[in-house]
Amino acid sequence: MKPVVLLIGKLRQVIGSVPQQLDHLPVNWLGAHDHAEVMHQLDHEPNIACAIIGGSLPDDVRGDIVAMIASQRPDICIHVKDRASGPDAMADFVERVVRMQFVNDRTPA
């Protein structure tokens, strides 16, 4: 069974396009844009292994989402993308995280 990655972000086109760009990776994708969607995904998908939060959400929202995930599902790894690299860097960030956590063919640094 493939691990499930939950992508969380404000920009729908970024969250929508990242799974298309990274469909070669051995994971299943879910998306969420706000607290309610995150909670719905947490409640309905027991196989979420990782949550990745984009840089476009306000800091207080990102903090609330981190706290919500940690309290509801402490088994999920949470990664928060920086703001400085911008939305165009989301796919690269997500790919690095997924490769680090789930892909066995890691190359040495």
Protein backbone atom coordinates (compact mmCIF):
# COMPACT_ATOMS: atom_id res chain seq x y z
CA MET A 1 0.00 0.00 0.00
CA LYS A 2 1.35 3.41 -0.95
CA PRO A 3 1.77 6.00 1.82
CA VAL A 4 -0.58 8.99 1.66
CA VAL A 5 0.78 12.54 1.58
CA LEU A 6 -1.52 15.39 2.61
CA LEU A 7 -0.70 18.64 0.83
CA ILE A 8 -2.02 21.74 2.59
CA GLY A 9 -1.99 25.16 1.01
CA LYS A 10 -3.82 28.34 0.18
CA LEU A 11 -3.17 28.34 -3.54
CA ARG A 12 -5.43 25.77 -5.19
CA GLN A 13 -3.39 25.71 -8.41
CA VAL A 14 -0.23 24.79 -6.47
CA ILE A 15 -1.91 22.03 -4.48
CA GLY A 16 -3.70 20.82 -7.61
CA SER A 17 -0.66 20.82 -9.88
CA VAL A 18 1.93 19.33 -7.51
CA PRO A 19 0.46 15.79 -7.59
CA GLN A 20 0.34 15.97 -11.39
CA GLN A 21 3.99 17.01 -11.55
CA LEU A 22 5.02 14.31 -9.10
CA ASP A 23 2.86 11.41 -10.22
CA HIS A 24 6.04 9.32 -10.70
CA LEU A 25 6.54 9.11 -6.93
CA PRO A 26 5.23 6.06 -5.03
CA VAL A 27 2.62 7.87 -2.92
CA ASN A 28 -1.06 8.76 -3.01
CA TRP A 29 -1.98 12.43 -2.72
CA LEU A 30 -4.65 14.29 -0.75
CA GLY A 31 -5.17 18.04 -0.61
CA ALA A 32 -6.63 20.55 1.82
CA HIS A 33 -6.97 24.34 1.84
CA ASP A 34 -8.32 25.15 5.29
CA HIS A 35 -8.87 23.81 8.81
CA ALA A 36 -12.12 22.06 7.92
CA GLU A 37 -10.61 20.23 4.96
CA VAL A 38 -7.56 19.20 6.99
CA MET A 39 -9.79 17.84 9.76
CA HIS A 40 -11.93 15.99 7.22
CA GLN A 41 -8.86 14.36 5.67
CA LEU A 42 -7.47 13.40 9.09
CA ASP A 43 -10.80 11.88 10.11
CA HIS A 44 -11.38 9.95 6.89
CA GLU A 45 -7.94 8.79 5.74
CA PRO A 46 -6.10 6.59 8.25
CA ASN A 47 -3.13 6.05 5.90
CA ILE A 48 -1.84 9.62 5.93
CA ALA A 49 1.87 9.31 6.71
CA CYS A 50 3.02 12.85 6.03
CA ALA A 51 1.58 16.38 5.86
CA ILE A 52 3.27 19.14 3.88
CA ILE A 53 2.16 22.72 4.50
CA GLY A 54 2.83 25.36 1.87
CA GLY A 55 4.32 28.79 2.43
CA SER A 56 1.34 30.88 1.29
CA LEU A 57 -0.79 30.33 4.37
CA PRO A 58 -0.49 32.95 7.15
CA ASP A 59 1.77 31.97 10.05
CA ASP A 60 -1.08 31.77 12.56
CA VAL A 61 -3.01 29.41 10.27
CA ARG A 62 0.07 27.26 9.68
CA GLY A 63 0.66 27.09 13.44
CA ASP A 64 -2.97 26.14 14.08
CA ILE A 65 -2.81 23.40 11.44
CA VAL A 66 0.43 22.01 12.86
CA ALA A 67 -1.12 21.92 16.34
CA MET A 68 -4.32 20.32 15.03
CA ILE A 69 -2.46 17.57 13.14
CA ALA A 70 -0.13 16.91 16.09
CA SER A 71 -3.02 16.60 18.53
CA GLN A 72 -5.30 14.54 16.28
CA ARG A 73 -2.71 12.34 14.58
CA PRO A 74 0.69 12.35 16.35
CA ASP A 75 1.81 9.57 13.98
CA ILE A 76 1.97 11.98 11.02
CA CYS A 77 5.24 13.72 10.07
CA ILE A 78 4.67 17.43 9.43
CA HIS A 79 6.82 19.51 7.06
CA VAL A 80 6.40 23.26 6.59
CA LYS A 81 7.72 24.94 3.44
CA ASP A 82 9.55 28.25 3.64
CA ARG A 83 7.99 31.42 2.20
CA ALA A 84 11.06 32.87 0.53
CA SER A 85 11.27 30.34 -2.30
CA GLY A 86 7.72 31.13 -3.42
CA PRO A 87 4.92 28.92 -4.72
CA ASP A 88 6.90 27.79 -7.77
CA ALA A 89 9.24 25.88 -5.45
CA MET A 90 6.46 23.82 -3.85
CA ALA A 91 6.87 20.82 -6.18
CA ASP A 92 10.63 20.64 -5.56
CA PHE A 93 10.11 20.90 -1.80
CA VAL A 94 7.45 18.19 -1.83
CA GLU A 95 9.60 15.91 -3.98
CA ARG A 96 12.56 16.26 -1.59
CA VAL A 97 10.36 15.45 1.41
CA VAL A 98 8.74 12.44 -0.26
CA ARG A 99 12.07 11.06 -1.47
CA MET A 100 13.58 11.53 1.98
CA GLN A 101 10.72 9.72 3.72
CA PHE A 102 9.45 7.12 1.30
CA VAL A 103 11.82 6.40 -1.56
CA ASN A 104 14.50 3.78 -0.98
CA ASP A 105 16.84 4.96 -3.75
CA ARG A 106 18.22 7.90 -1.79
CA THR A 107 21.48 9.24 -3.08
CA PRO A 108 24.24 10.06 -0.57
CA ALA A 109 24.83 13.73 0.19
